[in-house]
């Protein structure tokens, strides 16, 4: 309760703007998409930012910009077949502010399907409801993407 009350006094938009004022430019592509996701979440009043993580870098960059909403991250295996433990990535990400993790040892055929799974897991956990909007981010296949997703 104390943490929730303290967080309610933080002006997340002002924190975001302050971070952007001190950011070195040009930013790399993944960080640009992460900061854009946070800004978009403010603009559309998103209930969540959902992301896919192979290494966790994208989720950490999103958390850096202090979104007003939670970040739900689905940790997945590497798409190129390298071996690693998504559960380990999920454990490490829990140290970041506002990040809630799920791990999957199976990889669905497309990043879109994996994002849909992440939204469904968040819905089942009571983190979002039908009709709300979430911001989806992934940096899978070296193509960072951000999109606004309606929760069905």
N, C-alpha and C. Protein backbone atom coordinates (compact mmCIF):
# COMPACT_ATOMS: atom_id res chain seq x y z
N UNK A 1 0.82 -1.20 0.00
CA UNK A 1 0.00 0.00 0.00
C UNK A 1 0.86 1.26 0.00
N UNK A 2 1.93 1.26 0.77
CA UNK A 2 2.80 2.43 0.85
C UNK A 2 3.45 2.70 -0.51
N UNK A 3 3.91 1.64 -1.16
CA UNK A 3 4.55 1.79 -2.47
C UNK A 3 3.56 2.32 -3.50
N UNK A 4 2.34 1.81 -3.48
CA UNK A 4 1.34 2.27 -4.44
C UNK A 4 1.02 3.75 -4.23
N UNK A 5 0.92 4.16 -2.97
CA UNK A 5 0.64 5.56 -2.69
C UNK A 5 1.80 6.44 -3.15
N UNK A 6 3.02 6.01 -2.88
CA UNK A 6 4.18 6.79 -3.31
C UNK A 6 4.24 6.90 -4.83
N UNK A 7 3.97 5.80 -5.53
CA UNK A 7 3.98 5.81 -7.00
C UNK A 7 2.89 6.72 -7.57
N UNK A 8 1.78 6.87 -6.85
CA UNK A 8 0.69 7.71 -7.36
C UNK A 8 1.08 9.18 -7.41
N UNK A 9 2.11 9.59 -6.67
CA UNK A 9 2.56 10.98 -6.67
C UNK A 9 3.62 11.26 -7.74
N UNK A 10 4.08 10.24 -8.42
CA UNK A 10 5.10 10.43 -9.45
C UNK A 10 4.44 10.89 -10.74
N UNK A 11 4.95 11.94 -11.32
CA UNK A 11 4.47 12.42 -12.62
C UNK A 11 5.29 11.72 -13.69
N UNK A 12 4.77 10.59 -14.18
CA UNK A 12 5.51 9.76 -15.12
C UNK A 12 5.81 10.47 -16.44
N UNK A 13 4.91 11.33 -16.88
CA UNK A 13 5.14 12.07 -18.12
C UNK A 13 6.31 13.04 -17.94
N UNK A 14 6.37 13.71 -16.79
CA UNK A 14 7.48 14.63 -16.53
C UNK A 14 8.80 13.88 -16.39
N UNK A 15 8.76 12.71 -15.77
CA UNK A 15 9.98 11.89 -15.66
C UNK A 15 10.45 11.48 -17.05
N UNK A 16 9.52 11.07 -17.90
CA UNK A 16 9.86 10.69 -19.27
C UNK A 16 10.51 11.86 -20.01
N UNK A 17 9.89 13.03 -19.91
CA UNK A 17 10.43 14.20 -20.60
C UNK A 17 11.82 14.56 -20.08
N UNK A 18 12.01 14.44 -18.79
CA UNK A 18 13.33 14.74 -18.21
C UNK A 18 14.38 13.76 -18.72
N UNK A 19 14.03 12.49 -18.77
CA UNK A 19 14.96 11.49 -19.31
C UNK A 19 15.29 11.78 -20.77
N UNK A 20 14.30 12.15 -21.54
CA UNK A 20 14.53 12.44 -22.96
C UNK A 20 15.40 13.70 -23.13
N UNK A 21 15.25 14.67 -22.23
CA UNK A 21 16.07 15.89 -22.30
C UNK A 21 17.55 15.59 -22.08
N UNK A 22 17.83 14.52 -21.34
CA UNK A 22 19.22 14.17 -21.02
C UNK A 22 19.75 13.01 -21.87
N UNK A 23 18.97 12.60 -22.85
CA UNK A 23 19.35 11.46 -23.69
C UNK A 23 20.33 11.89 -24.77
N UNK A 24 21.31 11.07 -25.04
CA UNK A 24 22.24 11.32 -26.15
C UNK A 24 21.57 10.92 -27.46
N UNK A 25 21.76 11.74 -28.47
CA UNK A 25 21.20 11.46 -29.78
C UNK A 25 22.32 11.32 -30.78
N UNK A 26 22.23 10.51 -31.79
CA UNK A 26 21.08 9.64 -32.08
C UNK A 26 21.07 8.41 -31.17
N UNK A 27 19.85 7.94 -30.88
CA UNK A 27 19.70 6.73 -30.08
C UNK A 27 19.73 5.52 -31.01
N UNK A 28 20.06 4.36 -30.44
CA UNK A 28 20.00 3.16 -31.28
C UNK A 28 18.53 2.79 -31.51
N UNK A 29 18.29 1.93 -32.47
CA UNK A 29 16.93 1.62 -32.93
C UNK A 29 16.06 1.04 -31.83
N UNK A 30 16.58 0.09 -31.06
CA UNK A 30 15.77 -0.55 -30.03
C UNK A 30 15.38 0.45 -28.95
N UNK A 31 16.31 1.31 -28.56
CA UNK A 31 15.99 2.30 -27.53
C UNK A 31 14.98 3.32 -28.05
N UNK A 32 15.07 3.66 -29.33
CA UNK A 32 14.10 4.57 -29.93
C UNK A 32 12.70 3.97 -29.87
N UNK A 33 12.56 2.70 -30.20
CA UNK A 33 11.26 2.04 -30.16
C UNK A 33 10.77 1.93 -28.71
N UNK A 34 11.67 1.64 -27.77
CA UNK A 34 11.28 1.53 -26.36
C UNK A 34 10.75 2.87 -25.84
N UNK A 35 11.46 3.96 -26.13
CA UNK A 35 11.00 5.27 -25.66
C UNK A 35 9.69 5.67 -26.35
N UNK A 36 9.55 5.31 -27.62
CA UNK A 36 8.30 5.59 -28.34
C UNK A 36 7.13 4.80 -27.75
N UNK A 37 7.39 3.59 -27.32
CA UNK A 37 6.34 2.77 -26.70
C UNK A 37 5.85 3.43 -25.41
N UNK A 38 6.77 3.94 -24.61
CA UNK A 38 6.38 4.60 -23.36
C UNK A 38 5.58 5.86 -23.66
N UNK A 39 6.04 6.65 -24.60
CA UNK A 39 5.31 7.87 -24.98
C UNK A 39 3.93 7.52 -25.52
N UNK A 40 3.85 6.49 -26.34
CA UNK A 40 2.55 6.07 -26.89
C UNK A 40 1.62 5.57 -25.79
N UNK A 41 2.18 4.87 -24.81
CA UNK A 41 1.34 4.38 -23.70
C UNK A 41 0.72 5.54 -22.94
N UNK A 42 1.46 6.65 -22.80
CA UNK A 42 0.89 7.84 -22.16
C UNK A 42 -0.22 8.43 -23.03
N UNK A 43 0.01 8.50 -24.33
CA UNK A 43 -0.94 9.14 -25.24
C UNK A 43 -2.25 8.38 -25.36
N UNK A 44 -2.20 7.04 -25.34
CA UNK A 44 -3.43 6.26 -25.52
C UNK A 44 -3.98 5.72 -24.20
N UNK A 45 -3.37 6.12 -23.08
CA UNK A 45 -3.77 5.62 -21.75
C UNK A 45 -3.79 4.09 -21.73
N UNK A 46 -2.73 3.50 -22.22
CA UNK A 46 -2.64 2.03 -22.28
C UNK A 46 -2.62 1.44 -20.87
N UNK A 47 -3.25 0.31 -20.72
CA UNK A 47 -3.24 -0.36 -19.42
C UNK A 47 -1.94 -1.12 -19.19
N UNK A 48 -1.27 -1.50 -20.28
CA UNK A 48 -0.01 -2.25 -20.19
C UNK A 48 0.86 -1.95 -21.39
N UNK A 49 2.15 -2.23 -21.21
CA UNK A 49 3.05 -2.37 -22.35
C UNK A 49 3.47 -3.83 -22.32
N UNK A 50 3.22 -4.54 -23.41
CA UNK A 50 3.61 -5.94 -23.49
C UNK A 50 4.79 -6.05 -24.43
N UNK A 51 5.73 -6.92 -24.09
CA UNK A 51 6.89 -7.08 -24.96
C UNK A 51 7.37 -8.52 -24.93
N UNK A 52 8.11 -8.85 -25.97
CA UNK A 52 8.77 -10.15 -26.06
C UNK A 52 10.23 -9.95 -25.69
N UNK A 53 10.80 -10.97 -25.05
CA UNK A 53 12.21 -10.84 -24.65
C UNK A 53 12.94 -12.14 -24.91
N UNK A 54 14.02 -12.01 -25.66
CA UNK A 54 14.96 -13.12 -25.78
C UNK A 54 16.06 -12.91 -24.74
N UNK A 55 16.64 -11.72 -24.73
CA UNK A 55 17.70 -11.40 -23.75
C UNK A 55 17.19 -10.52 -22.62
N UNK A 56 16.08 -9.81 -22.83
CA UNK A 56 15.54 -8.91 -21.82
C UNK A 56 15.90 -7.45 -22.05
N UNK A 57 16.71 -7.17 -23.05
CA UNK A 57 17.17 -5.80 -23.29
C UNK A 57 16.01 -4.85 -23.59
N UNK A 58 15.08 -5.26 -24.42
CA UNK A 58 13.97 -4.40 -24.78
C UNK A 58 13.14 -4.03 -23.55
N UNK A 59 12.84 -5.01 -22.71
CA UNK A 59 12.05 -4.74 -21.50
C UNK A 59 12.80 -3.80 -20.55
N UNK A 60 14.11 -3.98 -20.42
CA UNK A 60 14.90 -3.09 -19.56
C UNK A 60 14.89 -1.66 -20.09
N UNK A 61 14.97 -1.50 -21.41
CA UNK A 61 14.93 -0.16 -21.99
C UNK A 61 13.56 0.49 -21.81
N UNK A 62 12.50 -0.28 -21.93
CA UNK A 62 11.16 0.27 -21.69
C UNK A 62 11.05 0.73 -20.24
N UNK A 63 11.51 -0.10 -19.30
CA UNK A 63 11.45 0.26 -17.88
C UNK A 63 12.27 1.51 -17.57
N UNK A 64 13.35 1.70 -18.29
CA UNK A 64 14.21 2.88 -18.10
C UNK A 64 13.41 4.18 -18.22
N UNK A 65 12.42 4.22 -19.11
CA UNK A 65 11.65 5.43 -19.37
C UNK A 65 10.42 5.58 -18.47
N UNK A 66 10.31 4.74 -17.46
CA UNK A 66 9.31 4.87 -16.40
C UNK A 66 7.87 5.07 -16.88
N UNK A 67 7.31 4.09 -17.60
CA UNK A 67 5.92 4.25 -18.04
C UNK A 67 4.97 4.28 -16.84
N UNK A 68 3.82 4.91 -17.03
CA UNK A 68 2.82 4.97 -15.97
C UNK A 68 2.14 3.61 -15.77
N UNK A 69 2.19 2.76 -16.78
CA UNK A 69 1.56 1.44 -16.70
C UNK A 69 2.62 0.36 -16.48
N UNK A 70 2.15 -0.83 -16.19
CA UNK A 70 3.05 -1.97 -16.00
C UNK A 70 3.58 -2.46 -17.34
N UNK A 71 4.69 -3.18 -17.25
CA UNK A 71 5.30 -3.80 -18.41
C UNK A 71 5.16 -5.31 -18.23
N UNK A 72 4.51 -5.97 -19.17
CA UNK A 72 4.37 -7.43 -19.11
C UNK A 72 5.26 -8.00 -20.20
N UNK A 73 6.15 -8.87 -19.81
CA UNK A 73 7.16 -9.38 -20.71
C UNK A 73 7.05 -10.91 -20.83
N UNK A 74 6.96 -11.39 -22.05
CA UNK A 74 6.99 -12.83 -22.30
C UNK A 74 8.40 -13.19 -22.74
N UNK A 75 9.09 -13.93 -21.91
CA UNK A 75 10.46 -14.36 -22.22
C UNK A 75 10.38 -15.62 -23.07
N UNK A 76 11.04 -15.58 -24.22
CA UNK A 76 10.93 -16.65 -25.21
C UNK A 76 12.31 -17.16 -25.58
N UNK A 77 12.38 -18.36 -26.18
CA UNK A 77 13.68 -18.87 -26.66
C UNK A 77 14.18 -18.03 -27.84
N UNK A 78 15.47 -18.09 -28.08
CA UNK A 78 16.03 -17.41 -29.24
C UNK A 78 15.45 -18.03 -30.51
N UNK A 79 15.11 -17.19 -31.47
CA UNK A 79 14.54 -17.68 -32.73
C UNK A 79 15.59 -18.34 -33.61
N UNK A 80 16.87 -18.02 -33.41
CA UNK A 80 17.91 -18.60 -34.27
C UNK A 80 18.42 -19.95 -33.77
N UNK A 81 17.78 -20.48 -32.72
CA UNK A 81 18.13 -21.81 -32.25
C UNK A 81 19.18 -21.86 -31.15
N UNK A 82 19.82 -20.71 -30.83
CA UNK A 82 20.78 -20.73 -29.73
C UNK A 82 20.07 -21.16 -28.45
N UNK A 83 20.80 -21.83 -27.59
CA UNK A 83 20.20 -22.36 -26.37
C UNK A 83 20.36 -21.36 -25.23
N UNK A 84 19.27 -21.09 -24.54
CA UNK A 84 19.30 -20.31 -23.31
C UNK A 84 18.03 -20.60 -22.54
N UNK A 85 17.95 -20.11 -21.32
CA UNK A 85 16.84 -20.41 -20.43
C UNK A 85 15.93 -19.18 -20.28
N UNK A 86 14.73 -19.18 -20.91
CA UNK A 86 13.82 -18.04 -20.75
C UNK A 86 13.44 -17.77 -19.29
N UNK A 87 13.39 -18.83 -18.47
CA UNK A 87 13.09 -18.64 -17.04
C UNK A 87 14.14 -17.78 -16.36
N UNK A 88 15.40 -17.97 -16.74
CA UNK A 88 16.49 -17.18 -16.18
C UNK A 88 16.35 -15.71 -16.56
N UNK A 89 16.00 -15.46 -17.82
CA UNK A 89 15.77 -14.08 -18.28
C UNK A 89 14.62 -13.47 -17.48
N UNK A 90 13.55 -14.24 -17.29
CA UNK A 90 12.39 -13.75 -16.53
C UNK A 90 12.78 -13.38 -15.10
N UNK A 91 13.58 -14.21 -14.47
CA UNK A 91 14.02 -13.90 -13.09
C UNK A 91 14.82 -12.61 -13.05
N UNK A 92 15.73 -12.43 -13.99
CA UNK A 92 16.55 -11.21 -14.00
C UNK A 92 15.71 -9.96 -14.25
N UNK A 93 14.70 -10.07 -15.09
CA UNK A 93 13.87 -8.91 -15.41
C UNK A 93 13.03 -8.45 -14.23
N UNK A 94 12.76 -9.33 -13.28
CA UNK A 94 11.95 -8.95 -12.12
C UNK A 94 12.62 -7.89 -11.26
N UNK A 95 13.90 -7.67 -11.47
CA UNK A 95 14.62 -6.63 -10.73
C UNK A 95 14.35 -5.24 -11.29
N UNK A 96 13.68 -5.15 -12.42
CA UNK A 96 13.38 -3.86 -13.05
C UNK A 96 12.01 -3.36 -12.62
N UNK A 97 11.92 -2.05 -12.41
CA UNK A 97 10.68 -1.43 -11.94
C UNK A 97 9.53 -1.68 -12.91
N UNK A 98 8.42 -2.19 -12.37
CA UNK A 98 7.19 -2.32 -13.13
C UNK A 98 7.13 -3.47 -14.11
N UNK A 99 8.11 -4.37 -14.09
CA UNK A 99 8.13 -5.47 -15.07
C UNK A 99 7.56 -6.74 -14.44
N UNK A 100 6.56 -7.30 -15.11
CA UNK A 100 5.95 -8.57 -14.72
C UNK A 100 6.31 -9.55 -15.82
N UNK A 101 6.78 -10.73 -15.44
CA UNK A 101 7.29 -11.65 -16.47
C UNK A 101 6.51 -12.96 -16.54
N UNK A 102 6.49 -13.50 -17.74
CA UNK A 102 6.04 -14.86 -18.02
C UNK A 102 7.14 -15.47 -18.87
N UNK A 103 7.28 -16.77 -18.80
CA UNK A 103 8.30 -17.44 -19.61
C UNK A 103 7.65 -18.57 -20.41
N UNK A 104 8.14 -18.74 -21.62
CA UNK A 104 7.66 -19.81 -22.49
C UNK A 104 8.86 -20.55 -23.07
N UNK A 105 8.83 -21.86 -22.98
CA UNK A 105 9.91 -22.65 -23.57
C UNK A 105 9.61 -22.98 -25.02
N UNK A 106 8.37 -22.72 -25.46
CA UNK A 106 7.99 -22.97 -26.84
C UNK A 106 7.84 -21.65 -27.57
N UNK A 107 8.27 -21.63 -28.80
CA UNK A 107 8.21 -20.42 -29.62
C UNK A 107 7.12 -20.58 -30.66
N UNK A 108 6.17 -19.66 -30.67
CA UNK A 108 5.12 -19.69 -31.70
C UNK A 108 5.71 -19.20 -33.02
N UNK A 109 5.06 -19.51 -34.14
CA UNK A 109 5.66 -19.22 -35.45
C UNK A 109 6.00 -17.75 -35.74
N UNK A 110 5.18 -16.80 -35.23
CA UNK A 110 5.43 -15.39 -35.55
C UNK A 110 5.48 -14.55 -34.28
N UNK A 111 6.18 -13.42 -34.33
CA UNK A 111 6.19 -12.51 -33.18
C UNK A 111 4.78 -12.03 -32.82
N UNK A 112 3.92 -11.83 -33.81
CA UNK A 112 2.54 -11.40 -33.54
C UNK A 112 1.79 -12.41 -32.69
N UNK A 113 1.99 -13.69 -32.98
CA UNK A 113 1.33 -14.74 -32.19
C UNK A 113 1.89 -14.78 -30.77
N UNK A 114 3.18 -14.55 -30.63
CA UNK A 114 3.78 -14.51 -29.29
C UNK A 114 3.27 -13.30 -28.50
N UNK A 115 3.11 -12.14 -29.17
CA UNK A 115 2.54 -10.97 -28.48
C UNK A 115 1.10 -11.24 -28.07
N UNK A 116 0.33 -11.89 -28.93
CA UNK A 116 -1.06 -12.23 -28.59
C UNK A 116 -1.10 -13.15 -27.38
N UNK A 117 -0.16 -14.10 -27.30
CA UNK A 117 -0.07 -14.98 -26.13
C UNK A 117 0.25 -14.16 -24.88
N UNK A 118 1.14 -13.20 -25.00
CA UNK A 118 1.50 -12.35 -23.87
C UNK A 118 0.28 -11.56 -23.38
N UNK A 119 -0.50 -11.01 -24.29
CA UNK A 119 -1.72 -10.28 -23.91
C UNK A 119 -2.70 -11.22 -23.24
N UNK A 120 -2.85 -12.42 -23.78
CA UNK A 120 -3.78 -13.40 -23.18
C UNK A 120 -3.34 -13.79 -21.77
N UNK A 121 -2.04 -14.00 -21.56
CA UNK A 121 -1.54 -14.33 -20.22
C UNK A 121 -1.78 -13.17 -19.26
N UNK A 122 -1.59 -11.95 -19.74
CA UNK A 122 -1.84 -10.77 -18.90
C UNK A 122 -3.33 -10.67 -18.54
N UNK A 123 -4.18 -10.96 -19.52
CA UNK A 123 -5.63 -10.92 -19.28
C UNK A 123 -6.02 -11.97 -18.25
N UNK A 124 -5.49 -13.18 -18.38
CA UNK A 124 -5.78 -14.25 -17.42
C UNK A 124 -5.29 -13.91 -16.01
N UNK A 125 -4.20 -13.13 -15.93
CA UNK A 125 -3.66 -12.74 -14.63
C UNK A 125 -4.38 -11.51 -14.05
N UNK A 126 -5.35 -10.99 -14.78
CA UNK A 126 -6.11 -9.83 -14.31
C UNK A 126 -5.39 -8.51 -14.47
N UNK A 127 -4.40 -8.46 -15.35
CA UNK A 127 -3.62 -7.24 -15.55
C UNK A 127 -4.23 -6.31 -16.59
N UNK A 128 -5.12 -6.84 -17.42
CA UNK A 128 -5.83 -6.01 -18.40
C UNK A 128 -7.20 -6.65 -18.64
N UNK A 129 -8.09 -5.85 -19.23
CA UNK A 129 -9.45 -6.32 -19.46
C UNK A 129 -9.83 -6.07 -20.91
N UNK A 130 -10.86 -6.79 -21.34
CA UNK A 130 -11.38 -6.63 -22.70
C UNK A 130 -11.78 -5.17 -22.91
N UNK A 131 -11.40 -4.63 -24.06
CA UNK A 131 -11.73 -3.25 -24.40
C UNK A 131 -10.61 -2.26 -24.13
N UNK A 132 -9.64 -2.64 -23.32
CA UNK A 132 -8.52 -1.75 -23.04
C UNK A 132 -7.52 -1.82 -24.19
N UNK A 133 -6.61 -0.86 -24.20
CA UNK A 133 -5.55 -0.86 -25.19
C UNK A 133 -4.22 -1.11 -24.51
N UNK A 134 -3.37 -1.85 -25.19
CA UNK A 134 -2.01 -2.10 -24.71
C UNK A 134 -1.04 -1.76 -25.84
N UNK A 135 0.17 -1.43 -25.46
CA UNK A 135 1.22 -1.17 -26.44
C UNK A 135 2.07 -2.43 -26.52
N UNK A 136 2.27 -2.94 -27.72
CA UNK A 136 3.07 -4.15 -27.93
C UNK A 136 4.41 -3.80 -28.55
N UNK A 137 5.47 -4.41 -28.04
CA UNK A 137 6.82 -4.15 -28.54
C UNK A 137 7.56 -5.47 -28.67
N UNK A 138 8.31 -5.61 -29.76
CA UNK A 138 9.23 -6.74 -29.85
C UNK A 138 10.41 -6.37 -30.72
N UNK A 139 11.52 -6.99 -30.43
CA UNK A 139 12.74 -6.81 -31.22
C UNK A 139 13.22 -8.20 -31.62
N UNK A 140 12.33 -8.92 -32.26
CA UNK A 140 12.63 -10.27 -32.69
C UNK A 140 12.97 -10.21 -34.18
N UNK A 141 13.92 -10.98 -34.60
CA UNK A 141 14.37 -10.99 -35.99
C UNK A 141 15.02 -9.67 -36.41
N UNK A 142 15.61 -8.97 -35.45
CA UNK A 142 16.34 -7.72 -35.71
C UNK A 142 15.49 -6.63 -36.35
N UNK A 143 14.19 -6.67 -36.09
CA UNK A 143 13.28 -5.66 -36.62
C UNK A 143 12.40 -5.14 -35.48
N UNK A 144 12.86 -4.11 -34.76
CA UNK A 144 12.04 -3.60 -33.65
C UNK A 144 10.71 -3.06 -34.15
N UNK A 145 9.63 -3.45 -33.47
CA UNK A 145 8.29 -3.08 -33.87
C UNK A 145 7.51 -2.64 -32.64
N UNK A 146 6.69 -1.61 -32.81
CA UNK A 146 5.77 -1.18 -31.76
C UNK A 146 4.38 -1.07 -32.36
N UNK A 147 3.37 -1.53 -31.64
CA UNK A 147 2.01 -1.41 -32.15
C UNK A 147 1.04 -1.25 -30.99
N UNK A 148 -0.10 -0.65 -31.29
CA UNK A 148 -1.17 -0.50 -30.31
C UNK A 148 -2.13 -1.66 -30.55
N UNK A 149 -2.45 -2.38 -29.47
CA UNK A 149 -3.26 -3.60 -29.57
C UNK A 149 -4.50 -3.43 -28.70
N UNK A 150 -5.66 -3.74 -29.28
CA UNK A 150 -6.89 -3.77 -28.49
C UNK A 150 -7.03 -5.13 -27.83
N UNK A 151 -7.42 -5.15 -26.56
CA UNK A 151 -7.58 -6.41 -25.84
C UNK A 151 -8.95 -6.98 -26.19
N UNK A 152 -8.96 -8.20 -26.74
CA UNK A 152 -10.20 -8.88 -27.14
C UNK A 152 -10.64 -9.85 -26.07
